[in-house]
């Protein structure tokens, strides 16, 4: 599944990449170069983070589904047991 970014997200990331390169690498890059770098990252690296997020979500929901009986189970025929106390 391709990861889609809005124009505003792309603009914000390009700005951040340019600032990072300038301040951390002491290398100024153009907006076009930053966009090419972003395209590369989105194609080569982002899928790893995306897939990890999917696996984490799957594990989280699987644990919640396994816990459903403990959370949602309601014992029947308890009226008289509770009344005796």
PDB file of N, CA and C in Angstrom:
ATOM      1  N   UNK A   1       0.845  -1.173   0.000  1.00  0.00           N
ATOM      2  CA  UNK A   1       0.000   0.000   0.000  1.00  0.00           C
ATOM      3  C   UNK A   1       0.892   1.238   0.000  1.00  0.00           C
ATOM      4  N   UNK A   2       0.670   2.097  -0.947  1.00  0.00           N
ATOM      5  CA  UNK A   2       1.462   3.324  -1.046  1.00  0.00           C
ATOM      6  C   UNK A   2       1.059   4.299   0.054  1.00  0.00           C
ATOM      7  N   UNK A   3       2.041   4.963   0.607  1.00  0.00           N
ATOM      8  CA  UNK A   3       1.800   5.962   1.637  1.00  0.00           C
ATOM      9  C   UNK A   3       1.608   7.304   0.942  1.00  0.00           C
ATOM     10  N   UNK A   4       0.467   7.912   1.151  1.00  0.00           N
ATOM     11  CA  UNK A   4       0.134   9.184   0.506  1.00  0.00           C
ATOM     12  C   UNK A   4       0.273  10.324   1.511  1.00  0.00           C
ATOM     13  N   UNK A   5       0.891  11.402   1.084  1.00  0.00           N
ATOM     14  CA  UNK A   5       1.017  12.601   1.906  1.00  0.00           C
ATOM     15  C   UNK A   5       0.282  13.748   1.227  1.00  0.00           C
ATOM     16  N   UNK A   6      -0.308  14.609   2.030  1.00  0.00           N
ATOM     17  CA  UNK A   6      -0.965  15.791   1.471  1.00  0.00           C
ATOM     18  C   UNK A   6       0.108  16.782   1.010  1.00  0.00           C
ATOM     19  N   UNK A   7      -0.302  17.748   0.209  1.00  0.00           N
ATOM     20  CA  UNK A   7       0.641  18.774  -0.253  1.00  0.00           C
ATOM     21  C   UNK A   7       1.231  19.518   0.937  1.00  0.00           C
ATOM     22  N   UNK A   8       0.403  19.822   1.929  1.00  0.00           N
ATOM     23  CA  UNK A   8       0.887  20.529   3.118  1.00  0.00           C
ATOM     24  C   UNK A   8       1.918  19.686   3.875  1.00  0.00           C
ATOM     25  N   UNK A   9       1.675  18.391   3.987  1.00  0.00           N
ATOM     26  CA  UNK A   9       2.633  17.510   4.660  1.00  0.00           C
ATOM     27  C   UNK A   9       3.956  17.468   3.903  1.00  0.00           C
ATOM     28  N   UNK A  10       3.878  17.362   2.578  1.00  0.00           N
ATOM     29  CA  UNK A  10       5.092  17.360   1.755  1.00  0.00           C
ATOM     30  C   UNK A  10       5.849  18.666   1.944  1.00  0.00           C
ATOM     31  N   UNK A  11       5.148  19.778   1.880  1.00  0.00           N
ATOM     32  CA  UNK A  11       5.799  21.086   2.056  1.00  0.00           C
ATOM     33  C   UNK A  11       6.476  21.187   3.421  1.00  0.00           C
ATOM     34  N   UNK A  12       5.787  20.732   4.461  1.00  0.00           N
ATOM     35  CA  UNK A  12       6.354  20.783   5.815  1.00  0.00           C
ATOM     36  C   UNK A  12       7.590  19.894   5.938  1.00  0.00           C
ATOM     37  N   UNK A  13       7.532  18.710   5.344  1.00  0.00           N
ATOM     38  CA  UNK A  13       8.665  17.785   5.418  1.00  0.00           C
ATOM     39  C   UNK A  13       9.843  18.318   4.616  1.00  0.00           C
ATOM     40  N   UNK A  14       9.577  18.856   3.431  1.00  0.00           N
ATOM     41  CA  UNK A  14      10.646  19.444   2.610  1.00  0.00           C
ATOM     42  C   UNK A  14      11.328  20.563   3.386  1.00  0.00           C
ATOM     43  N   UNK A  15      10.545  21.413   4.016  1.00  0.00           N
ATOM     44  CA  UNK A  15      11.113  22.490   4.834  1.00  0.00           C
ATOM     45  C   UNK A  15      11.991  21.905   5.943  1.00  0.00           C
ATOM     46  N   UNK A  16      11.506  20.884   6.613  1.00  0.00           N
ATOM     47  CA  UNK A  16      12.256  20.259   7.705  1.00  0.00           C
ATOM     48  C   UNK A  16      13.549  19.619   7.200  1.00  0.00           C
ATOM     49  N   UNK A  17      13.489  18.939   6.061  1.00  0.00           N
ATOM     50  CA  UNK A  17      14.693  18.322   5.485  1.00  0.00           C
ATOM     51  C   UNK A  17      15.735  19.375   5.122  1.00  0.00           C
ATOM     52  N   UNK A  18      15.286  20.471   4.539  1.00  0.00           N
ATOM     53  CA  UNK A  18      16.221  21.546   4.177  1.00  0.00           C
ATOM     54  C   UNK A  18      16.879  22.124   5.427  1.00  0.00           C
ATOM     55  N   UNK A  19      16.084  22.342   6.455  1.00  0.00           N
ATOM     56  CA  UNK A  19      16.613  22.886   7.705  1.00  0.00           C
ATOM     57  C   UNK A  19      17.590  21.901   8.349  1.00  0.00           C
ATOM     58  N   UNK A  20      17.235  20.612   8.345  1.00  0.00           N
ATOM     59  CA  UNK A  20      18.110  19.591   8.919  1.00  0.00           C
ATOM     60  C   UNK A  20      19.453  19.567   8.195  1.00  0.00           C
ATOM     61  N   UNK A  21      19.413  19.527   6.874  1.00  0.00           N
ATOM     62  CA  UNK A  21      20.658  19.488   6.097  1.00  0.00           C
ATOM     63  C   UNK A  21      21.521  20.717   6.371  1.00  0.00           C
ATOM     64  N   UNK A  22      20.896  21.872   6.459  1.00  0.00           N
ATOM     65  CA  UNK A  22      21.644  23.108   6.690  1.00  0.00           C
ATOM     66  C   UNK A  22      22.251  23.138   8.089  1.00  0.00           C
ATOM     67  N   UNK A  23      21.452  22.807   9.105  1.00  0.00           N
ATOM     68  CA  UNK A  23      21.914  22.950  10.484  1.00  0.00           C
ATOM     69  C   UNK A  23      22.740  21.769  10.987  1.00  0.00           C
ATOM     70  N   UNK A  24      22.408  20.575  10.562  1.00  0.00           N
ATOM     71  CA  UNK A  24      23.098  19.391  11.080  1.00  0.00           C
ATOM     72  C   UNK A  24      24.231  18.913  10.179  1.00  0.00           C
ATOM     73  N   UNK A  25      24.065  19.106   8.876  1.00  0.00           N
ATOM     74  CA  UNK A  25      25.067  18.618   7.928  1.00  0.00           C
ATOM     75  C   UNK A  25      25.875  19.746   7.299  1.00  0.00           C
ATOM     76  N   UNK A  26      25.514  20.975   7.622  1.00  0.00           N
ATOM     77  CA  UNK A  26      26.161  22.152   7.047  1.00  0.00           C
ATOM     78  C   UNK A  26      26.172  22.085   5.520  1.00  0.00           C
ATOM     79  N   UNK A  27      25.030  21.661   4.978  1.00  0.00           N
ATOM     80  CA  UNK A  27      24.872  21.506   3.532  1.00  0.00           C
ATOM     81  C   UNK A  27      23.512  22.070   3.142  1.00  0.00           C
ATOM     82  N   UNK A  28      23.514  23.119   2.339  1.00  0.00           N
ATOM     83  CA  UNK A  28      22.245  23.672   1.885  1.00  0.00           C
ATOM     84  C   UNK A  28      21.770  22.890   0.669  1.00  0.00           C
ATOM     85  N   UNK A  29      20.487  22.538   0.681  1.00  0.00           N
ATOM     86  CA  UNK A  29      19.894  21.852  -0.468  1.00  0.00           C
ATOM     87  C   UNK A  29      18.670  22.650  -0.907  1.00  0.00           C
ATOM     88  N   UNK A  30      18.353  22.515  -2.180  1.00  0.00           N
ATOM     89  CA  UNK A  30      17.195  23.227  -2.726  1.00  0.00           C
ATOM     90  C   UNK A  30      15.913  22.480  -2.346  1.00  0.00           C
ATOM     91  N   UNK A  31      14.808  23.145  -2.582  1.00  0.00           N
ATOM     92  CA  UNK A  31      13.522  22.497  -2.353  1.00  0.00           C
ATOM     93  C   UNK A  31      13.355  21.266  -3.221  1.00  0.00           C
ATOM     94  N   UNK A  32      13.840  21.347  -4.463  1.00  0.00           N
ATOM     95  CA  UNK A  32      13.732  20.206  -5.366  1.00  0.00           C
ATOM     96  C   UNK A  32      14.578  19.033  -4.860  1.00  0.00           C
ATOM     97  N   UNK A  33      15.786  19.326  -4.393  1.00  0.00           N
ATOM     98  CA  UNK A  33      16.637  18.266  -3.852  1.00  0.00           C
ATOM     99  C   UNK A  33      15.995  17.631  -2.616  1.00  0.00           C
ATOM    100  N   UNK A  34      15.406  18.463  -1.771  1.00  0.00           N
ATOM    101  CA  UNK A  34      14.734  17.939  -0.579  1.00  0.00           C
ATOM    102  C   UNK A  34      13.542  17.072  -0.975  1.00  0.00           C
ATOM    103  N   UNK A  35      12.828  17.466  -2.026  1.00  0.00           N
ATOM    104  CA  UNK A  35      11.689  16.675  -2.511  1.00  0.00           C
ATOM    105  C   UNK A  35      12.167  15.343  -3.056  1.00  0.00           C
ATOM    106  N   UNK A  36      13.280  15.337  -3.795  1.00  0.00           N
ATOM    107  CA  UNK A  36      13.842  14.078  -4.287  1.00  0.00           C
ATOM    108  C   UNK A  36      14.257  13.182  -3.126  1.00  0.00           C
ATOM    109  N   UNK A  37      14.854  13.777  -2.104  1.00  0.00           N
ATOM    110  CA  UNK A  37      15.246  13.015  -0.916  1.00  0.00           C
ATOM    111  C   UNK A  37      14.009  12.437  -0.233  1.00  0.00           C
ATOM    112  N   UNK A  38      12.967  13.240  -0.107  1.00  0.00           N
ATOM    113  CA  UNK A  38      11.719  12.757   0.484  1.00  0.00           C
ATOM    114  C   UNK A  38      11.139  11.609  -0.334  1.00  0.00           C
ATOM    115  N   UNK A  39      11.120  11.740  -1.654  1.00  0.00           N
ATOM    116  CA  UNK A  39      10.613  10.670  -2.514  1.00  0.00           C
ATOM    117  C   UNK A  39      11.393   9.379  -2.282  1.00  0.00           C
ATOM    118  N   UNK A  40      12.708   9.495  -2.179  1.00  0.00           N
ATOM    119  CA  UNK A  40      13.552   8.324  -1.926  1.00  0.00           C
ATOM    120  C   UNK A  40      13.199   7.697  -0.573  1.00  0.00           C
ATOM    121  N   UNK A  41      13.109   8.529   0.457  1.00  0.00           N
ATOM    122  CA  UNK A  41      12.791   8.028   1.797  1.00  0.00           C
ATOM    123  C   UNK A  41      11.425   7.345   1.799  1.00  0.00           C
ATOM    124  N   UNK A  42      10.464   7.949   1.123  1.00  0.00           N
ATOM    125  CA  UNK A  42       9.113   7.376   1.089  1.00  0.00           C
ATOM    126  C   UNK A  42       9.082   6.029   0.372  1.00  0.00           C
ATOM    127  N   UNK A  43       9.925   5.862  -0.628  1.00  0.00           N
ATOM    128  CA  UNK A  43       9.939   4.601  -1.373  1.00  0.00           C
ATOM    129  C   UNK A  43      10.784   3.530  -0.702  1.00  0.00           C
ATOM    130  N   UNK A  44      11.888   3.917  -0.100  1.00  0.00           N
ATOM    131  CA  UNK A  44      12.852   2.947   0.411  1.00  0.00           C
ATOM    132  C   UNK A  44      12.771   2.697   1.917  1.00  0.00           C
ATOM    133  N   UNK A  45      12.453   3.704   2.692  1.00  0.00           N
ATOM    134  CA  UNK A  45      12.556   3.594   4.146  1.00  0.00           C
ATOM    135  C   UNK A  45      11.191   3.586   4.830  1.00  0.00           C
ATOM    136  N   UNK A  46      10.286   4.440   4.374  1.00  0.00           N
ATOM    137  CA  UNK A  46       8.978   4.567   5.022  1.00  0.00           C
ATOM    138  C   UNK A  46       8.217   3.245   5.126  1.00  0.00           C
ATOM    139  N   UNK A  47       8.307   2.343   4.134  1.00  0.00           N
ATOM    140  CA  UNK A  47       7.578   1.083   4.279  1.00  0.00           C
ATOM    141  C   UNK A  47       7.984   0.272   5.516  1.00  0.00           C
ATOM    142  N   UNK A  48       9.234   0.382   5.939  1.00  0.00           N
ATOM    143  CA  UNK A  48       9.652  -0.331   7.145  1.00  0.00           C
ATOM    144  C   UNK A  48       8.901   0.201   8.365  1.00  0.00           C
ATOM    145  N   UNK A  49       8.808   1.515   8.491  1.00  0.00           N
ATOM    146  CA  UNK A  49       8.089   2.128   9.613  1.00  0.00           C
ATOM    147  C   UNK A  49       6.592   1.821   9.514  1.00  0.00           C
ATOM    148  N   UNK A  50       6.062   1.887   8.308  1.00  0.00           N
ATOM    149  CA  UNK A  50       4.644   1.594   8.102  1.00  0.00           C
ATOM    150  C   UNK A  50       4.330   0.156   8.510  1.00  0.00           C
ATOM    151  N   UNK A  51       5.137  -0.783   8.027  1.00  0.00           N
ATOM    152  CA  UNK A  51       4.908  -2.195   8.345  1.00  0.00           C
ATOM    153  C   UNK A  51       5.047  -2.464   9.835  1.00  0.00           C
ATOM    154  N   UNK A  52       6.004  -1.802  10.490  1.00  0.00           N
ATOM    155  CA  UNK A  52       6.172  -1.954  11.933  1.00  0.00           C
ATOM    156  C   UNK A  52       4.935  -1.433  12.651  1.00  0.00           C
ATOM    157  N   UNK A  53       4.409  -0.315  12.205  1.00  0.00           N
ATOM    158  CA  UNK A  53       3.187   0.230  12.797  1.00  0.00           C
ATOM    159  C   UNK A  53       2.009  -0.720  12.643  1.00  0.00           C
ATOM    160  N   UNK A  54       1.901  -1.345  11.476  1.00  0.00           N
ATOM    161  CA  UNK A  54       0.832  -2.320  11.242  1.00  0.00           C
ATOM    162  C   UNK A  54       0.998  -3.513  12.171  1.00  0.00           C
ATOM    163  N   UNK A  55       2.225  -4.023  12.306  1.00  0.00           N
ATOM    164  CA  UNK A  55       2.467  -5.164  13.203  1.00  0.00           C
ATOM    165  C   UNK A  55       2.165  -4.804  14.650  1.00  0.00           C
ATOM    166  N   UNK A  56       2.554  -3.614  15.070  1.00  0.00           N
ATOM    167  CA  UNK A  56       2.264  -3.171  16.437  1.00  0.00           C
ATOM    168  C   UNK A  56       0.756  -3.061  16.666  1.00  0.00           C
ATOM    169  N   UNK A  57       0.042  -2.499  15.699  1.00  0.00           N
ATOM    170  CA  UNK A  57      -1.413  -2.373  15.819  1.00  0.00           C
ATOM    171  C   UNK A  57      -2.065  -3.751  15.850  1.00  0.00           C
ATOM    172  N   UNK A  58      -1.585  -4.649  15.010  1.00  0.00           N
ATOM    173  CA  UNK A  58      -2.129  -6.006  14.978  1.00  0.00           C
ATOM    174  C   UNK A  58      -1.935  -6.694  16.329  1.00  0.00           C
ATOM    175  N   UNK A  59      -0.736  -6.580  16.905  1.00  0.00           N
ATOM    176  CA  UNK A  59      -0.460  -7.193  18.209  1.00  0.00           C
ATOM    177  C   UNK A  59      -1.338  -6.571  19.292  1.00  0.00           C
ATOM    178  N   UNK A  60      -1.500  -5.265  19.253  1.00  0.00           N
ATOM    179  CA  UNK A  60      -2.329  -4.569  20.240  1.00  0.00           C
ATOM    180  C   UNK A  60      -3.771  -5.067  20.176  1.00  0.00           C
ATOM    181  N   UNK A  61      -4.332  -5.088  18.967  1.00  0.00           N
ATOM    182  CA  UNK A  61      -5.724  -5.507  18.831  1.00  0.00           C
ATOM    183  C   UNK A  61      -5.898  -6.997  19.102  1.00  0.00           C
ATOM    184  N   UNK A  62      -4.912  -7.795  18.740  1.00  0.00           N
ATOM    185  CA  UNK A  62      -4.984  -9.225  19.032  1.00  0.00           C
ATOM    186  C   UNK A  62      -5.039  -9.449  20.538  1.00  0.00           C
ATOM    187  N   UNK A  63      -4.221  -8.721  21.293  1.00  0.00           N
ATOM    188  CA  UNK A  63      -4.236  -8.840  22.758  1.00  0.00           C
ATOM    189  C   UNK A  63      -5.591  -8.409  23.312  1.00  0.00           C
ATOM    190  N   UNK A  64      -6.164  -7.353  22.754  1.00  0.00           N
ATOM    191  CA  UNK A  64      -7.479  -6.895  23.216  1.00  0.00           C
ATOM    192  C   UNK A  64      -8.561  -7.920  22.902  1.00  0.00           C
ATOM    193  N   UNK A  65      -8.499  -8.545  21.727  1.00  0.00           N
ATOM    194  CA  UNK A  65      -9.484  -9.562  21.354  1.00  0.00           C
ATOM    195  C   UNK A  65      -9.355 -10.772  22.271  1.00  0.00           C
ATOM    196  N   UNK A  66      -8.134 -11.179  22.578  1.00  0.00           N
ATOM    197  CA  UNK A  66      -7.928 -12.323  23.467  1.00  0.00           C
ATOM    198  C   UNK A  66      -8.444 -12.041  24.871  1.00  0.00           C
ATOM    199  N   UNK A  67      -8.462 -10.785  25.268  1.00  0.00           N
ATOM    200  CA  UNK A  67      -8.905 -10.400  26.605  1.00  0.00           C
ATOM    201  C   UNK A  67     -10.417 -10.154  26.680  1.00  0.00           C
ATOM    202  N   UNK A  68     -11.122 -10.212  25.543  1.00  0.00           N
ATOM    203  CA  UNK A  68     -12.556  -9.928  25.534  1.00  0.00           C
ATOM    204  C   UNK A  68     -13.357 -10.795  26.506  1.00  0.00           C
ATOM    205  N   UNK A  69     -13.140 -12.102  26.559  1.00  0.00           N
ATOM    206  CA  UNK A  69     -13.926 -12.893  27.509  1.00  0.00           C
ATOM    207  C   UNK A  69     -13.743 -12.426  28.955  1.00  0.00           C
ATOM    208  N   UNK A  70     -12.547 -12.055  29.323  1.00  0.00           N
ATOM    209  CA  UNK A  70     -12.304 -11.584  30.682  1.00  0.00           C
ATOM    210  C   UNK A  70     -12.946 -10.246  30.969  1.00  0.00           C
ATOM    211  N   UNK A  71     -13.059  -9.423  29.943  1.00  0.00           N
ATOM    212  CA  UNK A  71     -13.635  -8.089  30.114  1.00  0.00           C
ATOM    213  C   UNK A  71     -15.154  -8.115  29.957  1.00  0.00           C
ATOM    214  N   UNK A  72     -15.623  -8.866  28.981  1.00  0.00           N
ATOM    215  CA  UNK A  72     -17.035  -8.789  28.609  1.00  0.00           C
ATOM    216  C   UNK A  72     -17.896  -9.922  29.156  1.00  0.00           C
ATOM    217  N   UNK A  73     -17.291 -10.986  29.647  1.00  0.00           N
ATOM    218  CA  UNK A  73     -18.070 -12.140  30.104  1.00  0.00           C
ATOM    219  C   UNK A  73     -18.883 -11.771  31.334  1.00  0.00           C
ATOM    220  N   UNK A  74     -20.137 -12.130  31.300  1.00  0.00           N
ATOM    221  CA  UNK A  74     -21.033 -11.873  32.430  1.00  0.00           C
ATOM    222  C   UNK A  74     -21.597 -13.215  32.883  1.00  0.00           C
ATOM    223  N   UNK A  75     -21.371 -13.536  34.112  1.00  0.00           N
ATOM    224  CA  UNK A  75     -21.850 -14.795  34.698  1.00  0.00           C
ATOM    225  C   UNK A  75     -23.372 -14.765  34.789  1.00  0.00           C
ATOM    226  N   UNK A  76     -24.005 -15.857  34.436  1.00  0.00           N
ATOM    227  CA  UNK A  76     -25.451 -15.978  34.564  1.00  0.00           C
ATOM    228  C   UNK A  76     -25.830 -16.662  35.875  1.00  0.00           C
ATOM    229  N   UNK A  77     -27.081 -16.631  36.187  1.00  0.00           N
ATOM    230  CA  UNK A  77     -27.625 -17.304  37.375  1.00  0.00           C
ATOM    231  C   UNK A  77     -26.947 -16.839  38.664  1.00  0.00           C
ATOM    232  N   UNK A  78     -26.790 -15.560  38.818  1.00  0.00           N
ATOM    233  CA  UNK A  78     -26.096 -15.035  40.001  1.00  0.00           C
ATOM    234  C   UNK A  78     -27.027 -14.327  40.983  1.00  0.00           C
ATOM    235  N   UNK A  79     -28.279 -14.222  40.640  1.00  0.00           N
ATOM    236  CA  UNK A  79     -29.210 -13.481  41.498  1.00  0.00           C
ATOM    237  C   UNK A  79     -29.212 -14.028  42.923  1.00  0.00           C
ATOM    238  N   UNK A  80     -29.372 -15.330  43.059  1.00  0.00           N
ATOM    239  CA  UNK A  80     -29.475 -15.921  44.400  1.00  0.00           C
ATOM    240  C   UNK A  80     -28.134 -15.944  45.104  1.00  0.00           C
ATOM    241  N   UNK A  81     -27.055 -16.071  44.350  1.00  0.00           N
ATOM    242  CA  UNK A  81     -25.724 -16.048  44.977  1.00  0.00           C
ATOM    243  C   UNK A  81     -25.450 -14.679  45.584  1.00  0.00           C
ATOM    244  N   UNK A  82     -25.806 -13.638  44.882  1.00  0.00           N
ATOM    245  CA  UNK A  82     -25.600 -12.276  45.383  1.00  0.00           C
ATOM    246  C   UNK A  82     -26.557 -11.970  46.532  1.00  0.00           C
ATOM    247  N   UNK A  83     -27.756 -12.499  46.490  1.00  0.00           N
ATOM    248  CA  UNK A  83     -28.781 -12.234  47.490  1.00  0.00           C
ATOM    249  C   UNK A  83     -28.393 -12.815  48.848  1.00  0.00           C
ATOM    250  N   UNK A  84     -27.686 -13.942  48.870  1.00  0.00           N
ATOM    251  CA  UNK A  84     -27.302 -14.610  50.117  1.00  0.00           C
ATOM    252  C   UNK A  84     -26.297 -13.809  50.920  1.00  0.00           C
ATOM    253  N   UNK A  85     -25.529 -12.994  50.268  1.00  0.00           N
ATOM    254  CA  UNK A  85     -24.438 -12.282  50.950  1.00  0.00           C
ATOM    255  C   UNK A  85     -24.910 -11.213  51.837  1.00  0.00           C
TER     256      UNK A  85
END
